[in-house]
Amino acid sequence: MALTTLVNVENNTPLTAIRKVLTAILARPDIEAIMVSTASASGASVMPELITDPDRLDRADPLSPCFPMNGARLVSRLTRKTMRKKIAVMLRPCEIRALVELVKLNQASLENLILVSMDCLGAFTNKDWATLNASAPDDFNRSFYADRLGGKTAPDGGPDIAPACRACEYPVSDMADIQF
């Protein structure tokens, strides 16, 4: 039976709420690390990072509409050897589906993994994201999600999300252990 809980989103900032939940997950004694997309100090790039220090989660940015690489391949590398403790990995629904396929091919393992995901609103191509994000990274991410949740598909005069995201039929993961 699934457990549902309410996560308090203050000041209309879901990213802050997700960071608090990730911090609580990392504080558990049986969790060794969390793999999550993080923004660089300048905000000019977002890349998956394996985090063991809760203070580093202040840069976690899993909601960014940037998708530089598929996290399933990184998880595959992490799970080649048996892990002593659990690792939480925050992935997009498509990355979780890719990870499951790698497990079927014996190229990854779900043992000692906690899969964390969110309802995905899509991502831009890397080139489009870099162009759109260049002016104000934090403002761009917030406005993107507000626009998408409000039904707007593309920034004013800007490109739409990547073709693969537009074609996606499963923006919500049914395989995640924790779903935002």
Protein backbone atom coordinates (compact mmCIF):
# COMPACT_ATOMS: atom_id res chain seq x y z
CA MET A 1 0.00 0.00 0.00
CA ALA A 2 1.35 3.39 -0.99
CA LEU A 3 1.97 6.02 1.61
CA THR A 4 0.98 9.58 0.81
CA THR A 5 2.23 12.55 2.76
CA LEU A 6 1.92 16.28 2.41
CA VAL A 7 5.07 18.27 1.70
CA ASN A 8 4.70 21.90 2.70
CA VAL A 9 5.68 24.25 -0.15
CA GLU A 10 6.39 27.68 1.30
CA ASN A 11 6.42 30.87 -0.79
CA ASN A 12 5.56 28.94 -3.95
CA THR A 13 9.05 27.36 -4.07
CA PRO A 14 8.74 23.60 -4.71
CA LEU A 15 12.51 23.30 -5.18
CA THR A 16 13.08 24.34 -1.55
CA ALA A 17 10.55 21.74 -0.38
CA ILE A 18 12.23 19.00 -2.45
CA ARG A 19 15.64 19.97 -1.06
CA LYS A 20 14.27 19.64 2.49
CA VAL A 21 12.94 16.16 1.75
CA LEU A 22 16.25 15.12 0.14
CA THR A 23 18.09 16.43 3.21
CA ALA A 24 15.82 14.33 5.44
CA ILE A 25 16.48 11.26 3.29
CA LEU A 26 20.25 11.79 3.46
CA ALA A 27 20.05 12.20 7.25
CA ARG A 28 18.83 8.61 7.60
CA PRO A 29 21.59 6.34 8.96
CA ASP A 30 21.03 3.70 6.28
CA ILE A 31 21.46 6.17 3.37
CA GLU A 32 25.03 6.72 2.23
CA ALA A 33 24.46 9.27 -0.57
CA ILE A 34 22.00 10.89 -2.95
CA MET A 35 22.53 11.27 -6.67
CA VAL A 36 20.68 14.37 -7.88
CA SER A 37 21.11 17.01 -10.56
CA THR A 38 22.87 20.06 -9.15
CA ALA A 39 23.46 23.52 -10.52
CA SER A 40 26.96 24.89 -10.86
CA ALA A 41 27.87 27.90 -8.73
CA SER A 42 27.13 30.20 -11.67
CA GLY A 43 23.92 28.37 -12.59
CA ALA A 44 25.24 27.97 -16.13
CA SER A 45 25.09 24.17 -16.02
CA VAL A 46 23.24 21.36 -14.28
CA MET A 47 24.83 17.92 -13.89
CA PRO A 48 24.12 14.81 -11.80
CA GLU A 49 26.20 14.69 -8.64
CA LEU A 50 26.63 12.07 -5.92
CA ILE A 51 26.19 13.94 -2.65
CA THR A 52 27.15 12.68 0.80
CA ASP A 53 27.15 16.03 2.64
CA PRO A 54 23.65 17.45 3.35
CA ASP A 55 25.01 21.01 3.06
CA ARG A 56 25.72 20.39 -0.63
CA LEU A 57 22.02 19.81 -1.30
CA ASP A 58 21.46 23.57 -1.38
CA ARG A 59 22.55 23.39 -5.04
CA ALA A 60 20.29 20.44 -5.91
CA ASP A 61 18.14 21.36 -8.89
CA PRO A 62 16.19 18.29 -10.08
CA LEU A 63 13.43 20.50 -11.48
CA SER A 64 15.66 22.31 -13.94
CA PRO A 65 14.44 21.81 -17.52
CA CYS A 66 17.98 20.79 -18.45
CA PHE A 67 18.86 17.22 -19.34
CA PRO A 68 22.60 17.01 -20.08
CA MET A 69 22.83 13.22 -19.72
CA ASN A 70 20.73 10.23 -18.82
CA GLY A 71 21.22 9.41 -15.14
CA ALA A 72 20.43 5.73 -15.72
CA ARG A 73 23.90 5.16 -17.17
CA LEU A 74 25.50 6.77 -14.10
CA VAL A 75 23.39 4.62 -11.78
CA SER A 76 24.47 1.60 -13.81
CA ARG A 77 28.09 2.45 -13.05
CA LEU A 78 27.33 3.02 -9.37
CA THR A 79 25.65 -0.36 -9.00
CA ARG A 80 28.28 -2.52 -10.71
CA LYS A 81 29.63 -3.51 -7.31
CA THR A 82 27.48 -4.42 -4.32
CA MET A 83 26.89 -1.38 -2.12
CA ARG A 84 27.09 -1.59 1.66
CA LYS A 85 24.44 1.05 2.28
CA LYS A 86 21.54 2.40 0.29
CA ILE A 87 21.84 5.24 -2.18
CA ALA A 88 18.91 7.44 -3.17
CA VAL A 89 18.83 8.52 -6.80
CA MET A 90 16.54 11.28 -8.05
CA LEU A 91 15.75 10.63 -11.69
CA ARG A 92 13.23 11.76 -14.26
CA PRO A 93 10.57 9.16 -15.15
CA CYS A 94 12.29 8.43 -18.49
CA GLU A 95 15.59 7.82 -16.69
CA ILE A 96 13.91 5.35 -14.33
CA ARG A 97 12.44 3.50 -17.32
CA ALA A 98 15.93 3.40 -18.90
CA LEU A 99 17.40 2.11 -15.62
CA VAL A 100 14.84 -0.70 -15.49
CA GLU A 101 15.86 -1.71 -19.03
CA LEU A 102 19.54 -1.74 -17.97
CA VAL A 103 18.58 -3.98 -15.03
CA LYS A 104 16.88 -6.39 -17.47
CA LEU A 105 20.15 -6.52 -19.43
CA ASN A 106 22.14 -7.17 -16.21
CA GLN A 107 23.93 -3.84 -16.64
CA ALA A 108 22.54 -2.28 -13.44
CA SER A 109 21.01 -3.31 -10.14
CA LEU A 110 18.14 -1.92 -8.12
CA GLU A 111 19.50 -3.50 -4.94
CA ASN A 112 20.15 -0.89 -2.23
CA LEU A 113 18.68 1.89 -4.38
CA ILE A 114 15.85 4.20 -3.45
CA LEU A 115 14.32 5.64 -6.61
CA VAL A 116 13.06 9.20 -6.22
CA SER A 117 11.21 10.95 -9.04
CA MET A 118 8.87 13.80 -9.82
CA ASP A 119 6.16 14.60 -12.30
CA CYS A 120 8.20 15.73 -15.28
CA LEU A 121 7.20 18.78 -17.26
CA GLY A 122 9.86 18.20 -19.88
CA ALA A 123 13.25 19.64 -20.71
CA PHE A 124 14.81 21.69 -23.46
CA THR A 125 17.60 20.58 -25.73
CA ASN A 126 20.98 21.41 -24.18
CA LYS A 127 21.57 24.19 -26.69
CA ASP A 128 18.14 25.79 -26.15
CA TRP A 129 18.43 25.51 -22.36
CA ALA A 130 21.83 27.22 -22.34
CA THR A 131 20.44 30.10 -24.41
CA LEU A 132 17.27 30.49 -22.35
CA ASN A 133 19.01 30.07 -19.01
CA ALA A 134 21.85 32.51 -19.72
CA SER A 135 20.05 35.64 -18.51
CA ALA A 136 18.69 34.61 -15.09
CA PRO A 137 19.00 30.91 -14.14
CA ASP A 138 16.83 30.92 -11.00
CA ASP A 139 14.13 33.07 -12.56
CA PHE A 140 14.08 31.00 -15.73
CA ASN A 141 13.55 27.71 -13.89
CA ARG A 142 10.75 29.16 -11.73
CA SER A 143 8.99 30.76 -14.68
CA PHE A 144 9.33 27.58 -16.77
CA TYR A 145 7.51 25.46 -14.20
CA ALA A 146 4.89 28.13 -13.54
CA ASP A 147 4.26 28.40 -17.29
CA ARG A 148 4.08 24.62 -17.83
CA LEU A 149 1.76 24.11 -14.88
CA GLY A 150 -0.37 26.95 -16.23
CA GLY A 151 -0.66 25.28 -19.63
CA LYS A 152 1.86 27.41 -21.53
CA THR A 153 4.06 25.20 -23.70
CA ALA A 154 6.94 27.50 -24.67
CA PRO A 155 8.59 30.68 -23.37
CA ASP A 156 7.48 33.86 -25.13
CA GLY A 157 9.17 33.79 -28.52
CA GLY A 158 11.36 30.89 -27.44
CA PRO A 159 11.73 27.24 -28.35
CA ASP A 160 9.47 24.49 -27.12
CA ILE A 161 10.73 21.57 -25.03
CA ALA A 162 12.77 18.83 -26.71
CA PRO A 163 10.97 16.62 -29.25
CA ALA A 164 11.41 13.50 -27.08
CA CYS A 165 9.73 15.30 -24.17
CA ARG A 166 6.85 16.48 -26.36
CA ALA A 167 6.30 12.86 -27.45
CA CYS A 168 6.54 11.42 -23.91
CA GLU A 169 3.42 9.53 -22.84
CA TYR A 170 4.60 8.76 -19.28
CA PRO A 171 5.67 11.97 -17.48
CA VAL A 172 4.95 10.33 -14.10
CA SER A 173 6.94 7.33 -12.87
CA ASP A 174 5.03 4.37 -11.56
CA MET A 175 8.28 2.68 -10.49
CA ALA A 176 9.65 5.32 -8.09
CA ASP A 177 9.84 4.60 -4.38
CA ILE A 178 9.27 8.30 -3.63
CA GLN A 179 7.32 10.44 -6.09
CA PHE A 180 6.94 14.23 -6.00
